[in-house]
Amino acid sequence: PYSVIVGTVWGPDDRPVYGVKVKIRRAKDKKPKWEVYSDHNGEFAQRFPAGECDYILSADLKGFKPADGQPLRLAQEVTVHVYYDERQDTGLHLTR
């Protein structure tokens, strides 16, 4: 059994953003253990071992070049709580 976190990276114009590195870590850890990239629909997914745990998601925008050239930043990190073998949907919002 496993759990999965599925999400979308949203830009300041409320459109999905392609190519953003999403870093995921357990709340008790300091460093991220997983890294995934948003696809052409701005979506990402990561599987985890089943079991109750909190995960913290953040966007790594170093080296990311938006189409309009203006720098972006993450509005805030997102915490996702997983109980056992389930799917949790979330989103990361970027601002200027």
PDB file of N, CA and C in Angstrom:
ATOM      1  N   PRO A   1       0.828  -1.207   0.000  1.00  0.00           N
ATOM      2  CA  PRO A   1       0.000   0.000   0.000  1.00  0.00           C
ATOM      3  C   PRO A   1       0.865   1.261   0.000  1.00  0.00           C
ATOM      4  N   TYR A   2       0.332   2.300  -0.569  1.00  0.00           N
ATOM      5  CA  TYR A   2       1.043   3.575  -0.622  1.00  0.00           C
ATOM      6  C   TYR A   2       0.031   4.711  -0.627  1.00  0.00           C
ATOM      7  N   SER A   3       0.511   5.908  -0.327  1.00  0.00           N
ATOM      8  CA  SER A   3      -0.292   7.122  -0.444  1.00  0.00           C
ATOM      9  C   SER A   3       0.331   7.967  -1.552  1.00  0.00           C
ATOM     10  N   VAL A   4      -0.432   8.930  -2.045  1.00  0.00           N
ATOM     11  CA  VAL A   4       0.069   9.779  -3.121  1.00  0.00           C
ATOM     12  C   VAL A   4      -0.407  11.213  -2.883  1.00  0.00           C
ATOM     13  N   ILE A   5       0.483  12.143  -3.145  1.00  0.00           N
ATOM     14  CA  ILE A   5       0.127  13.560  -3.115  1.00  0.00           C
ATOM     15  C   ILE A   5       0.176  14.055  -4.557  1.00  0.00           C
ATOM     16  N   VAL A   6      -0.941  14.638  -4.988  1.00  0.00           N
ATOM     17  CA  VAL A   6      -1.076  15.167  -6.344  1.00  0.00           C
ATOM     18  C   VAL A   6      -1.360  16.656  -6.211  1.00  0.00           C
ATOM     19  N   GLY A   7      -0.709  17.464  -7.022  1.00  0.00           N
ATOM     20  CA  GLY A   7      -0.925  18.902  -6.902  1.00  0.00           C
ATOM     21  C   GLY A   7      -0.707  19.626  -8.211  1.00  0.00           C
ATOM     22  N   THR A   8      -1.001  20.923  -8.165  1.00  0.00           N
ATOM     23  CA  THR A   8      -0.818  21.808  -9.305  1.00  0.00           C
ATOM     24  C   THR A   8      -0.062  23.053  -8.847  1.00  0.00           C
ATOM     25  N   VAL A   9       0.875  23.507  -9.658  1.00  0.00           N
ATOM     26  CA  VAL A   9       1.584  24.759  -9.399  1.00  0.00           C
ATOM     27  C   VAL A   9       0.866  25.853 -10.178  1.00  0.00           C
ATOM     28  N   TRP A  10       0.389  26.868  -9.462  1.00  0.00           N
ATOM     29  CA  TRP A  10      -0.365  27.977 -10.064  1.00  0.00           C
ATOM     30  C   TRP A  10       0.470  29.242 -10.076  1.00  0.00           C
ATOM     31  N   GLY A  11       0.427  29.966 -11.183  1.00  0.00           N
ATOM     32  CA  GLY A  11       1.131  31.233 -11.308  1.00  0.00           C
ATOM     33  C   GLY A  11       0.301  32.376 -10.757  1.00  0.00           C
ATOM     34  N   PRO A  12       0.854  33.602 -10.746  1.00  0.00           N
ATOM     35  CA  PRO A  12       0.132  34.762 -10.227  1.00  0.00           C
ATOM     36  C   PRO A  12      -1.123  35.105 -11.042  1.00  0.00           C
ATOM     37  N   ASP A  13      -1.183  34.636 -12.285  1.00  0.00           N
ATOM     38  CA  ASP A  13      -2.357  34.874 -13.124  1.00  0.00           C
ATOM     39  C   ASP A  13      -3.359  33.720 -13.048  1.00  0.00           C
ATOM     40  N   ASP A  14      -3.203  32.836 -12.060  1.00  0.00           N
ATOM     41  CA  ASP A  14      -4.063  31.670 -11.840  1.00  0.00           C
ATOM     42  C   ASP A  14      -4.043  30.688 -13.006  1.00  0.00           C
ATOM     43  N   ARG A  15      -2.902  30.628 -13.692  1.00  0.00           N
ATOM     44  CA  ARG A  15      -2.701  29.629 -14.734  1.00  0.00           C
ATOM     45  C   ARG A  15      -1.652  28.640 -14.261  1.00  0.00           C
ATOM     46  N   PRO A  16      -1.723  27.380 -14.715  1.00  0.00           N
ATOM     47  CA  PRO A  16      -0.723  26.397 -14.308  1.00  0.00           C
ATOM     48  C   PRO A  16       0.656  26.753 -14.848  1.00  0.00           C
ATOM     49  N   VAL A  17       1.689  26.394 -14.099  1.00  0.00           N
ATOM     50  CA  VAL A  17       3.066  26.730 -14.460  1.00  0.00           C
ATOM     51  C   VAL A  17       3.847  25.438 -14.703  1.00  0.00           C
ATOM     52  N   TYR A  18       4.532  25.373 -15.841  1.00  0.00           N
ATOM     53  CA  TYR A  18       5.319  24.211 -16.248  1.00  0.00           C
ATOM     54  C   TYR A  18       6.768  24.334 -15.780  1.00  0.00           C
ATOM     55  N   GLY A  19       7.358  23.206 -15.376  1.00  0.00           N
ATOM     56  CA  GLY A  19       8.787  23.141 -15.127  1.00  0.00           C
ATOM     57  C   GLY A  19       9.254  23.625 -13.776  1.00  0.00           C
ATOM     58  N   VAL A  20       8.376  23.713 -12.796  1.00  0.00           N
ATOM     59  CA  VAL A  20       8.767  24.154 -11.448  1.00  0.00           C
ATOM     60  C   VAL A  20       9.172  22.931 -10.633  1.00  0.00           C
ATOM     61  N   LYS A  21      10.329  23.021  -9.971  1.00  0.00           N
ATOM     62  CA  LYS A  21      10.788  21.939  -9.107  1.00  0.00           C
ATOM     63  C   LYS A  21      10.055  22.033  -7.770  1.00  0.00           C
ATOM     64  N   VAL A  22       9.358  20.957  -7.407  1.00  0.00           N
ATOM     65  CA  VAL A  22       8.640  20.890  -6.135  1.00  0.00           C
ATOM     66  C   VAL A  22       9.432  19.972  -5.207  1.00  0.00           C
ATOM     67  N   LYS A  23       9.800  20.522  -4.045  1.00  0.00           N
ATOM     68  CA  LYS A  23      10.547  19.747  -3.055  1.00  0.00           C
ATOM     69  C   LYS A  23       9.591  19.329  -1.942  1.00  0.00           C
ATOM     70  N   ILE A  24       9.714  18.059  -1.540  1.00  0.00           N
ATOM     71  CA  ILE A  24       8.818  17.503  -0.528  1.00  0.00           C
ATOM     72  C   ILE A  24       9.657  16.874   0.574  1.00  0.00           C
ATOM     73  N   ARG A  25       9.247  17.172   1.809  1.00  0.00           N
ATOM     74  CA  ARG A  25       9.937  16.575   2.965  1.00  0.00           C
ATOM     75  C   ARG A  25       8.917  16.233   4.033  1.00  0.00           C
ATOM     76  N   ARG A  26       9.317  15.330   4.895  1.00  0.00           N
ATOM     77  CA  ARG A  26       8.493  15.062   6.071  1.00  0.00           C
ATOM     78  C   ARG A  26       8.611  16.252   7.005  1.00  0.00           C
ATOM     79  N   ALA A  27       7.564  16.538   7.748  1.00  0.00           N
ATOM     80  CA  ALA A  27       7.568  17.697   8.643  1.00  0.00           C
ATOM     81  C   ALA A  27       8.678  17.596   9.682  1.00  0.00           C
ATOM     82  N   LYS A  28       9.029  16.388  10.087  1.00  0.00           N
ATOM     83  CA  LYS A  28      10.066  16.224  11.106  1.00  0.00           C
ATOM     84  C   LYS A  28      11.484  16.352  10.547  1.00  0.00           C
ATOM     85  N   ASP A  29      11.627  16.294   9.228  1.00  0.00           N
ATOM     86  CA  ASP A  29      12.949  16.391   8.599  1.00  0.00           C
ATOM     87  C   ASP A  29      13.266  17.836   8.229  1.00  0.00           C
ATOM     88  N   LYS A  30      14.552  18.123   8.090  1.00  0.00           N
ATOM     89  CA  LYS A  30      14.971  19.470   7.702  1.00  0.00           C
ATOM     90  C   LYS A  30      15.201  19.588   6.205  1.00  0.00           C
ATOM     91  N   LYS A  31      15.657  18.510   5.569  1.00  0.00           N
ATOM     92  CA  LYS A  31      15.972  18.545   4.142  1.00  0.00           C
ATOM     93  C   LYS A  31      14.928  17.771   3.354  1.00  0.00           C
ATOM     94  N   PRO A  32      14.654  18.213   2.121  1.00  0.00           N
ATOM     95  CA  PRO A  32      13.692  17.490   1.292  1.00  0.00           C
ATOM     96  C   PRO A  32      14.215  16.118   0.886  1.00  0.00           C
ATOM     97  N   LYS A  33      13.321  15.158   0.832  1.00  0.00           N
ATOM     98  CA  LYS A  33      13.687  13.802   0.446  1.00  0.00           C
ATOM     99  C   LYS A  33      13.260  13.498  -0.995  1.00  0.00           C
ATOM    100  N   TRP A  34      12.225  14.208  -1.486  1.00  0.00           N
ATOM    101  CA  TRP A  34      11.697  13.980  -2.822  1.00  0.00           C
ATOM    102  C   TRP A  34      11.691  15.282  -3.611  1.00  0.00           C
ATOM    103  N   GLU A  35      11.919  15.161  -4.923  1.00  0.00           N
ATOM    104  CA  GLU A  35      11.830  16.300  -5.842  1.00  0.00           C
ATOM    105  C   GLU A  35      11.086  15.838  -7.086  1.00  0.00           C
ATOM    106  N   VAL A  36      10.096  16.619  -7.493  1.00  0.00           N
ATOM    107  CA  VAL A  36       9.354  16.352  -8.722  1.00  0.00           C
ATOM    108  C   VAL A  36       9.209  17.670  -9.477  1.00  0.00           C
ATOM    109  N   TYR A  37       8.930  17.592 -10.760  1.00  0.00           N
ATOM    110  CA  TYR A  37       8.727  18.784 -11.585  1.00  0.00           C
ATOM    111  C   TYR A  37       7.279  18.842 -12.052  1.00  0.00           C
ATOM    112  N   SER A  38       6.749  20.053 -12.151  1.00  0.00           N
ATOM    113  CA  SER A  38       5.399  20.209 -12.690  1.00  0.00           C
ATOM    114  C   SER A  38       5.442  19.964 -14.200  1.00  0.00           C
ATOM    115  N   ASP A  39       4.396  19.307 -14.703  1.00  0.00           N
ATOM    116  CA  ASP A  39       4.333  18.998 -16.128  1.00  0.00           C
ATOM    117  C   ASP A  39       3.702  20.153 -16.915  1.00  0.00           C
ATOM    118  N   HIS A  40       3.357  19.922 -18.171  1.00  0.00           N
ATOM    119  CA  HIS A  40       2.814  20.992 -19.022  1.00  0.00           C
ATOM    120  C   HIS A  40       1.458  21.490 -18.540  1.00  0.00           C
ATOM    121  N   ASN A  41       0.781  20.717 -17.695  1.00  0.00           N
ATOM    122  CA  ASN A  41      -0.484  21.155 -17.096  1.00  0.00           C
ATOM    123  C   ASN A  41      -0.268  21.745 -15.708  1.00  0.00           C
ATOM    124  N   GLY A  42       0.992  21.904 -15.303  1.00  0.00           N
ATOM    125  CA  GLY A  42       1.313  22.431 -13.979  1.00  0.00           C
ATOM    126  C   GLY A  42       1.162  21.404 -12.877  1.00  0.00           C
ATOM    127  N   GLU A  43       0.930  20.145 -13.241  1.00  0.00           N
ATOM    128  CA  GLU A  43       0.627  19.112 -12.256  1.00  0.00           C
ATOM    129  C   GLU A  43       1.859  18.289 -11.892  1.00  0.00           C
ATOM    130  N   PHE A  44       1.832  17.743 -10.678  1.00  0.00           N
ATOM    131  CA  PHE A  44       2.881  16.849 -10.198  1.00  0.00           C
ATOM    132  C   PHE A  44       2.239  15.793  -9.313  1.00  0.00           C
ATOM    133  N   ALA A  45       2.952  14.682  -9.113  1.00  0.00           N
ATOM    134  CA  ALA A  45       2.467  13.617  -8.242  1.00  0.00           C
ATOM    135  C   ALA A  45       3.673  12.896  -7.655  1.00  0.00           C
ATOM    136  N   GLN A  46       3.529  12.461  -6.405  1.00  0.00           N
ATOM    137  CA  GLN A  46       4.601  11.715  -5.739  1.00  0.00           C
ATOM    138  C   GLN A  46       3.974  10.662  -4.835  1.00  0.00           C
ATOM    139  N   ARG A  47       4.472   9.436  -4.936  1.00  0.00           N
ATOM    140  CA  ARG A  47       4.009   8.352  -4.067  1.00  0.00           C
ATOM    141  C   ARG A  47       4.865   8.307  -2.807  1.00  0.00           C
ATOM    142  N   PHE A  48       4.225   7.896  -1.698  1.00  0.00           N
ATOM    143  CA  PHE A  48       4.895   7.786  -0.402  1.00  0.00           C
ATOM    144  C   PHE A  48       4.498   6.468   0.244  1.00  0.00           C
ATOM    145  N   PRO A  49       5.287   5.994   1.211  1.00  0.00           N
ATOM    146  CA  PRO A  49       4.867   4.815   1.961  1.00  0.00           C
ATOM    147  C   PRO A  49       3.577   5.120   2.732  1.00  0.00           C
ATOM    148  N   ALA A  50       2.708   4.117   2.830  1.00  0.00           N
ATOM    149  CA  ALA A  50       1.453   4.309   3.565  1.00  0.00           C
ATOM    150  C   ALA A  50       1.762   4.523   5.048  1.00  0.00           C
ATOM    151  N   GLY A  51       0.976   5.356   5.688  1.00  0.00           N
ATOM    152  CA  GLY A  51       1.150   5.631   7.105  1.00  0.00           C
ATOM    153  C   GLY A  51       0.889   7.091   7.401  1.00  0.00           C
ATOM    154  N   GLU A  52       0.518   7.367   8.629  1.00  0.00           N
ATOM    155  CA  GLU A  52       0.190   8.746   9.017  1.00  0.00           C
ATOM    156  C   GLU A  52       1.457   9.591   9.090  1.00  0.00           C
ATOM    157  N   CYS A  53       1.408  10.731   8.397  1.00  0.00           N
ATOM    158  CA  CYS A  53       2.571  11.609   8.347  1.00  0.00           C
ATOM    159  C   CYS A  53       2.163  12.970   7.787  1.00  0.00           C
ATOM    160  N   ASP A  54       2.897  14.004   8.176  1.00  0.00           N
ATOM    161  CA  ASP A  54       2.744  15.331   7.598  1.00  0.00           C
ATOM    162  C   ASP A  54       3.889  15.563   6.620  1.00  0.00           C
ATOM    163  N   TYR A  55       3.562  16.101   5.450  1.00  0.00           N
ATOM    164  CA  TYR A  55       4.554  16.418   4.432  1.00  0.00           C
ATOM    165  C   TYR A  55       4.492  17.914   4.142  1.00  0.00           C
ATOM    166  N   ILE A  56       5.648  18.517   3.918  1.00  0.00           N
ATOM    167  CA  ILE A  56       5.731  19.940   3.594  1.00  0.00           C
ATOM    168  C   ILE A  56       6.236  20.075   2.166  1.00  0.00           C
ATOM    169  N   LEU A  57       5.486  20.822   1.357  1.00  0.00           N
ATOM    170  CA  LEU A  57       5.806  21.036  -0.046  1.00  0.00           C
ATOM    171  C   LEU A  57       6.250  22.465  -0.262  1.00  0.00           C
ATOM    172  N   SER A  58       7.310  22.637  -1.047  1.00  0.00           N
ATOM    173  CA  SER A  58       7.791  23.973  -1.388  1.00  0.00           C
ATOM    174  C   SER A  58       8.252  23.960  -2.841  1.00  0.00           C
ATOM    175  N   ALA A  59       8.389  25.135  -3.409  1.00  0.00           N
ATOM    176  CA  ALA A  59       8.837  25.267  -4.801  1.00  0.00           C
ATOM    177  C   ALA A  59      10.256  25.822  -4.811  1.00  0.00           C
ATOM    178  N   ASP A  60      11.136  25.186  -5.558  1.00  0.00           N
ATOM    179  CA  ASP A  60      12.501  25.658  -5.736  1.00  0.00           C
ATOM    180  C   ASP A  60      12.551  26.393  -7.065  1.00  0.00           C
ATOM    181  N   LEU A  61      12.628  27.723  -7.011  1.00  0.00           N
ATOM    182  CA  LEU A  61      12.573  28.541  -8.230  1.00  0.00           C
ATOM    183  C   LEU A  61      13.940  29.025  -8.681  1.00  0.00           C
ATOM    184  N   LYS A  62      15.020  28.495  -8.094  1.00  0.00           N
ATOM    185  CA  LYS A  62      16.365  28.869  -8.541  1.00  0.00           C
ATOM    186  C   LYS A  62      16.571  28.346  -9.954  1.00  0.00           C
ATOM    187  N   GLY A  63      16.949  29.228 -10.847  1.00  0.00           N
ATOM    188  CA  GLY A  63      17.185  28.844 -12.224  1.00  0.00           C
ATOM    189  C   GLY A  63      15.927  28.732 -13.061  1.00  0.00           C
ATOM    190  N   PHE A  64      14.760  28.970 -12.476  1.00  0.00           N
ATOM    191  CA  PHE A  64      13.501  28.898 -13.225  1.00  0.00           C
ATOM    192  C   PHE A  64      13.296  30.207 -13.974  1.00  0.00           C
ATOM    193  N   LYS A  65      13.029  30.129 -15.270  1.00  0.00           N
ATOM    194  CA  LYS A  65      12.842  31.310 -16.106  1.00  0.00           C
ATOM    195  C   LYS A  65      11.390  31.391 -16.564  1.00  0.00           C
ATOM    196  N   PRO A  66      10.576  32.272 -15.958  1.00  0.00           N
ATOM    197  CA  PRO A  66       9.207  32.423 -16.438  1.00  0.00           C
ATOM    198  C   PRO A  66       9.171  33.055 -17.829  1.00  0.00           C
ATOM    199  N   ALA A  67       8.088  32.817 -18.549  1.00  0.00           N
ATOM    200  CA  ALA A  67       7.976  33.293 -19.926  1.00  0.00           C
ATOM    201  C   ALA A  67       8.068  34.811 -20.030  1.00  0.00           C
ATOM    202  N   ASP A  68       7.512  35.548 -19.053  1.00  0.00           N
ATOM    203  CA  ASP A  68       7.536  37.015 -19.122  1.00  0.00           C
ATOM    204  C   ASP A  68       8.808  37.618 -18.533  1.00  0.00           C
ATOM    205  N   GLY A  69       9.677  36.795 -17.950  1.00  0.00           N
ATOM    206  CA  GLY A  69      10.949  37.265 -17.433  1.00  0.00           C
ATOM    207  C   GLY A  69      10.902  37.864 -16.036  1.00  0.00           C
ATOM    208  N   GLN A  70       9.726  38.042 -15.457  1.00  0.00           N
ATOM    209  CA  GLN A  70       9.622  38.599 -14.102  1.00  0.00           C
ATOM    210  C   GLN A  70       9.793  37.481 -13.075  1.00  0.00           C
ATOM    211  N   PRO A  71      10.580  37.720 -12.031  1.00  0.00           N
ATOM    212  CA  PRO A  71      10.832  36.664 -11.046  1.00  0.00           C
ATOM    213  C   PRO A  71       9.571  36.304 -10.259  1.00  0.00           C
ATOM    214  N   LEU A  72       9.495  35.036  -9.872  1.00  0.00           N
ATOM    215  CA  LEU A  72       8.378  34.538  -9.083  1.00  0.00           C
ATOM    216  C   LEU A  72       8.885  34.029  -7.745  1.00  0.00           C
ATOM    217  N   ARG A  73       7.975  33.940  -6.771  1.00  0.00           N
ATOM    218  CA  ARG A  73       8.315  33.357  -5.474  1.00  0.00           C
ATOM    219  C   ARG A  73       7.104  32.571  -4.976  1.00  0.00           C
ATOM    220  N   LEU A  74       7.347  31.670  -4.066  1.00  0.00           N
ATOM    221  CA  LEU A  74       6.279  30.864  -3.495  1.00  0.00           C
ATOM    222  C   LEU A  74       5.535  31.678  -2.458  1.00  0.00           C
ATOM    223  N   ALA A  75       4.202  31.704  -2.531  1.00  0.00           N
ATOM    224  CA  ALA A  75       3.397  32.456  -1.566  1.00  0.00           C
ATOM    225  C   ALA A  75       3.613  31.895  -0.158  1.00  0.00           C
ATOM    226  N   GLN A  76       3.518  30.574   0.000  1.00  0.00           N
ATOM    227  CA  GLN A  76       3.817  29.933   1.288  1.00  0.00           C
ATOM    228  C   GLN A  76       3.944  28.439   1.083  1.00  0.00           C
ATOM    229  N   GLU A  77       4.709  27.793   1.974  1.00  0.00           N
ATOM    230  CA  GLU A  77       4.823  26.347   1.929  1.00  0.00           C
ATOM    231  C   GLU A  77       3.468  25.725   2.261  1.00  0.00           C
ATOM    232  N   VAL A  78       3.250  24.527   1.755  1.00  0.00           N
ATOM    233  CA  VAL A  78       1.991  23.837   1.975  1.00  0.00           C
ATOM    234  C   VAL A  78       2.250  22.572   2.785  1.00  0.00           C
ATOM    235  N   THR A  79       1.450  22.375   3.825  1.00  0.00           N
ATOM    236  CA  THR A  79       1.533  21.166   4.635  1.00  0.00           C
ATOM    237  C   THR A  79       0.364  20.254   4.272  1.00  0.00           C
ATOM    238  N   VAL A  80       0.675  18.989   4.011  1.00  0.00           N
ATOM    239  CA  VAL A  80      -0.337  17.992   3.663  1.00  0.00           C
ATOM    240  C   VAL A  80      -0.269  16.871   4.688  1.00  0.00           C
ATOM    241  N   HIS A  81      -1.417  16.516   5.261  1.00  0.00           N
ATOM    242  CA  HIS A  81      -1.479  15.425   6.233  1.00  0.00           C
ATOM    243  C   HIS A  81      -2.048  14.190   5.554  1.00  0.00           C
ATOM    244  N   VAL A  82      -1.333  13.082   5.655  1.00  0.00           N
ATOM    245  CA  VAL A  82      -1.757  11.810   5.088  1.00  0.00           C
ATOM    246  C   VAL A  82      -2.026  10.858   6.248  1.00  0.00           C
ATOM    247  N   TYR A  83      -3.172  10.171   6.189  1.00  0.00           N
ATOM    248  CA  TYR A  83      -3.538   9.242   7.262  1.00  0.00           C
ATOM    249  C   TYR A  83      -3.051   7.828   7.002  1.00  0.00           C
ATOM    250  N   TYR A  84      -3.293   7.284   5.818  1.00  0.00           N
ATOM    251  CA  TYR A  84      -2.797   5.944   5.520  1.00  0.00           C
ATOM    252  C   TYR A  84      -2.548   5.794   4.024  1.00  0.00           C
ATOM    253  N   ASP A  85      -3.323   4.953   3.337  1.00  0.00           N
ATOM    254  CA  ASP A  85      -3.108   4.749   1.897  1.00  0.00           C
ATOM    255  C   ASP A  85      -4.198   5.497   1.132  1.00  0.00           C
ATOM    256  N   GLU A  86      -3.938   6.745   0.840  1.00  0.00           N
ATOM    257  CA  GLU A  86      -4.942   7.612   0.236  1.00  0.00           C
ATOM    258  C   GLU A  86      -4.293   8.594  -0.716  1.00  0.00           C
ATOM    259  N   ARG A  87      -5.134   9.339  -1.405  1.00  0.00           N
ATOM    260  CA  ARG A  87      -4.669  10.401  -2.299  1.00  0.00           C
ATOM    261  C   ARG A  87      -5.057  11.740  -1.683  1.00  0.00           C
ATOM    262  N   GLN A  88      -4.108  12.670  -1.656  1.00  0.00           N
ATOM    263  CA  GLN A  88      -4.366  14.020  -1.192  1.00  0.00           C
ATOM    264  C   GLN A  88      -4.049  14.978  -2.354  1.00  0.00           C
ATOM    265  N   ASP A  89      -4.978  15.889  -2.638  1.00  0.00           N
ATOM    266  CA  ASP A  89      -4.784  16.874  -3.692  1.00  0.00           C
ATOM    267  C   ASP A  89      -4.477  18.239  -3.063  1.00  0.00           C
ATOM    268  N   THR A  90      -3.557  18.986  -3.685  1.00  0.00           N
ATOM    269  CA  THR A  90      -3.158  20.274  -3.145  1.00  0.00           C
ATOM    270  C   THR A  90      -2.691  21.179  -4.282  1.00  0.00           C
ATOM    271  N   GLY A  91      -2.295  22.373  -3.940  1.00  0.00           N
ATOM    272  CA  GLY A  91      -1.773  23.302  -4.928  1.00  0.00           C
ATOM    273  C   GLY A  91      -0.727  24.218  -4.320  1.00  0.00           C
ATOM    274  N   LEU A  92       0.221  24.633  -5.132  1.00  0.00           N
ATOM    275  CA  LEU A  92       1.236  25.611  -4.736  1.00  0.00           C
ATOM    276  C   LEU A  92       0.985  26.883  -5.543  1.00  0.00           C
ATOM    277  N   HIS A  93       0.919  28.007  -4.875  1.00  0.00           N
ATOM    278  CA  HIS A  93       0.638  29.285  -5.544  1.00  0.00           C
ATOM    279  C   HIS A  93       1.885  30.174  -5.560  1.00  0.00           C
ATOM    280  N   LEU A  94       2.240  30.640  -6.743  1.00  0.00           N
ATOM    281  CA  LEU A  94       3.387  31.516  -6.927  1.00  0.00           C
ATOM    282  C   LEU A  94       2.907  32.965  -7.056  1.00  0.00           C
ATOM    283  N   THR A  95       3.708  33.890  -6.547  1.00  0.00           N
ATOM    284  CA  THR A  95       3.397  35.322  -6.653  1.00  0.00           C
ATOM    285  C   THR A  95       4.613  36.046  -7.199  1.00  0.00           C
ATOM    286  N   ARG A  96       4.434  37.320  -7.493  1.00  0.00           N
ATOM    287  CA  ARG A  96       5.551  38.147  -7.985  1.00  0.00           C
ATOM    288  C   ARG A  96       6.246  38.816  -6.823  1.00  0.00           C
TER     289      ARG A  96
END
